[in-house]
């Protein structure tokens, strides 16, 4: 079976749609920080996509509105900035910013019946997390229950 790489970048940007700009009034600095997006990730993802000759799927809306890298049942799907929105507003975020990215990627993977899929979701990491300096240049996150993922990593 042939391998089909899929490259995604869920935190490619820190764009805030105009309807939600009020959530960040006076906190524009957080959008520029690693909390708002993954600086440099989309550039790495673009290079990988080109080298692997595979499409790149990106999400440019800030993860501080809705986190495209979380399941619908995750407690961190909405951030401290968006969790107080009404159910209607949250549904709008999901419909317009979460589902388009997730559905496209999931359908591509599901329809790849003739290929084994290698999903590379590109992120960058802050060099200091919770007061501890990270001493890693590259991390590969995988599900240890999946033999092929474990073997690849």
Protein backbone atom coordinates (compact mmCIF):
# COMPACT_ATOMS: atom_id res chain seq x y z
CA UNK A 1 0.00 0.00 0.00
CA UNK A 2 1.33 3.45 -0.93
CA UNK A 3 1.89 6.14 1.66
CA UNK A 4 -0.04 9.39 1.27
CA UNK A 5 1.23 12.29 3.37
CA UNK A 6 -1.26 14.91 4.55
CA UNK A 7 0.16 18.17 5.91
CA UNK A 8 -1.91 20.46 8.11
CA UNK A 9 -1.22 23.57 10.15
CA UNK A 10 -4.05 24.24 12.58
CA UNK A 11 -2.43 27.31 14.15
CA UNK A 12 -1.18 29.00 10.99
CA UNK A 13 -2.44 32.45 11.89
CA UNK A 14 -3.94 34.73 14.47
CA UNK A 15 -6.73 36.30 12.43
CA UNK A 16 -9.77 37.52 14.32
CA UNK A 17 -12.96 37.97 12.28
CA UNK A 18 -14.42 41.47 12.76
CA UNK A 19 -17.47 40.14 14.65
CA UNK A 20 -15.15 38.87 17.41
CA UNK A 21 -12.59 41.69 17.59
CA UNK A 22 -14.25 43.04 20.75
CA UNK A 23 -13.13 39.91 22.61
CA UNK A 24 -9.52 41.03 22.28
CA UNK A 25 -9.91 44.78 22.80
CA UNK A 26 -6.97 45.80 24.96
CA UNK A 27 -5.49 42.29 24.66
CA UNK A 28 -4.14 42.46 21.13
CA UNK A 29 -0.76 41.43 22.57
CA UNK A 30 -2.06 37.94 23.33
CA UNK A 31 -2.87 37.46 19.64
CA UNK A 32 0.78 38.11 18.77
CA UNK A 33 1.99 35.65 21.41
CA UNK A 34 2.28 31.89 21.17
CA UNK A 35 -1.14 31.68 22.80
CA UNK A 36 -2.70 33.19 19.68
CA UNK A 37 -0.92 31.13 17.03
CA UNK A 38 2.21 29.08 16.22
CA UNK A 39 4.79 31.47 14.77
CA UNK A 40 6.79 29.83 11.99
CA UNK A 41 4.60 26.74 11.72
CA UNK A 42 2.99 27.63 8.40
CA UNK A 43 6.40 28.24 6.83
CA UNK A 44 7.60 24.78 7.92
CA UNK A 45 4.32 23.23 6.77
CA UNK A 46 4.65 24.92 3.37
CA UNK A 47 8.15 23.54 2.85
CA UNK A 48 7.04 20.03 3.84
CA UNK A 49 4.01 20.25 1.58
CA UNK A 50 6.22 21.26 -1.35
CA UNK A 51 8.88 18.62 -0.68
CA UNK A 52 6.25 15.89 -0.29
CA UNK A 53 4.16 17.16 -3.23
CA UNK A 54 1.02 17.09 -1.16
CA UNK A 55 -1.61 19.73 -0.42
CA UNK A 56 -1.38 21.90 2.66
CA UNK A 57 -4.44 22.53 4.82
CA UNK A 58 -4.24 25.53 7.11
CA UNK A 59 -6.42 27.32 9.63
CA UNK A 60 -5.58 31.01 9.91
CA UNK A 61 -8.16 32.02 12.52
CA UNK A 62 -6.66 32.33 15.98
CA UNK A 63 -7.03 29.29 18.18
CA UNK A 64 -8.19 31.67 20.91
CA UNK A 65 -11.63 31.70 19.26
CA UNK A 66 -11.98 27.99 18.59
CA UNK A 67 -9.22 25.39 18.81
CA UNK A 68 -9.17 23.39 15.55
CA UNK A 69 -6.78 20.90 17.11
CA UNK A 70 -9.32 19.71 19.70
CA UNK A 71 -12.33 17.44 19.55
CA UNK A 72 -15.82 18.87 19.91
CA UNK A 73 -16.01 17.47 23.43
CA UNK A 74 -12.75 18.98 24.65
CA UNK A 75 -12.89 21.38 27.56
CA UNK A 76 -10.32 23.53 25.75
CA UNK A 77 -12.26 23.85 22.48
CA UNK A 78 -13.04 27.46 23.41
CA UNK A 79 -10.50 29.68 25.18
CA UNK A 80 -10.95 32.06 28.06
CA UNK A 81 -11.72 34.72 25.42
CA UNK A 82 -14.52 32.81 23.68
CA UNK A 83 -15.95 30.47 26.31
CA UNK A 84 -18.38 33.17 27.49
CA UNK A 85 -19.99 33.51 24.07
CA UNK A 86 -23.58 32.41 23.61
CA UNK A 87 -24.34 28.96 22.23
CA UNK A 88 -25.39 30.61 18.97
CA UNK A 89 -22.09 32.47 18.69
CA UNK A 90 -20.15 29.30 19.47
CA UNK A 91 -22.13 27.40 16.85
CA UNK A 92 -21.22 30.14 14.36
CA UNK A 93 -17.52 29.74 15.19
CA UNK A 94 -17.76 25.99 14.75
CA UNK A 95 -19.65 26.24 11.47
CA UNK A 96 -17.43 28.88 9.91
CA UNK A 97 -13.95 28.24 11.31
CA UNK A 98 -13.71 24.80 12.93
CA UNK A 99 -15.73 22.44 10.73
CA UNK A 100 -14.49 23.62 7.31
CA UNK A 101 -10.89 22.75 8.20
CA UNK A 102 -11.60 19.56 10.17
CA UNK A 103 -14.16 18.18 7.71
CA UNK A 104 -11.90 18.72 4.70
CA UNK A 105 -8.95 16.96 6.32
CA UNK A 106 -11.05 14.13 7.78
CA UNK A 107 -12.76 13.48 4.43
CA UNK A 108 -9.43 13.37 2.61
CA UNK A 109 -8.09 10.85 5.12
CA UNK A 110 -11.29 8.79 5.10
CA UNK A 111 -11.32 8.70 1.27
CA UNK A 112 -7.70 7.56 1.03
CA UNK A 113 -8.63 3.89 0.84
CA UNK A 114 -5.79 3.05 -1.57
CA UNK A 115 -3.15 4.74 0.57
CA UNK A 116 -1.89 4.56 4.09
CA UNK A 117 -2.07 8.13 5.42
CA UNK A 118 0.73 9.89 7.27
CA UNK A 119 -0.82 13.00 8.82
CA UNK A 120 1.77 15.63 9.69
CA UNK A 121 0.17 18.36 11.81
CA UNK A 122 2.77 21.10 12.09
CA UNK A 123 3.10 23.18 15.24
CA UNK A 124 5.75 25.24 16.97
CA UNK A 125 6.35 25.29 20.68
CA UNK A 126 7.20 28.03 23.10
CA UNK A 127 10.76 27.56 24.40
CA UNK A 128 9.61 27.91 28.02
CA UNK A 129 6.47 26.16 29.30
CA UNK A 130 5.20 26.58 32.84
CA UNK A 131 8.59 27.91 33.93
CA UNK A 132 10.58 25.02 32.44
CA UNK A 133 12.92 25.47 29.50
CA UNK A 134 12.31 22.99 26.72
CA UNK A 135 15.48 21.46 25.32
CA UNK A 136 14.02 19.91 22.19
CA UNK A 137 14.18 21.27 18.65
CA UNK A 138 11.64 18.90 17.14
CA UNK A 139 8.86 16.86 18.66
CA UNK A 140 6.79 14.06 17.17
CA UNK A 141 3.53 13.46 18.99
CA UNK A 142 1.84 10.14 18.34
CA UNK A 143 -0.67 7.69 19.72
CA UNK A 144 1.36 4.88 21.35
CA UNK A 145 -1.60 2.52 20.83
CA UNK A 146 -1.10 2.80 17.04
CA UNK A 147 1.73 0.52 16.01
CA UNK A 148 2.52 2.34 12.74
CA UNK A 149 2.64 5.75 14.45
CA UNK A 150 4.88 4.41 17.19
CA UNK A 151 7.20 2.75 14.64
CA UNK A 152 7.39 5.88 12.46
CA UNK A 153 8.26 8.15 15.39
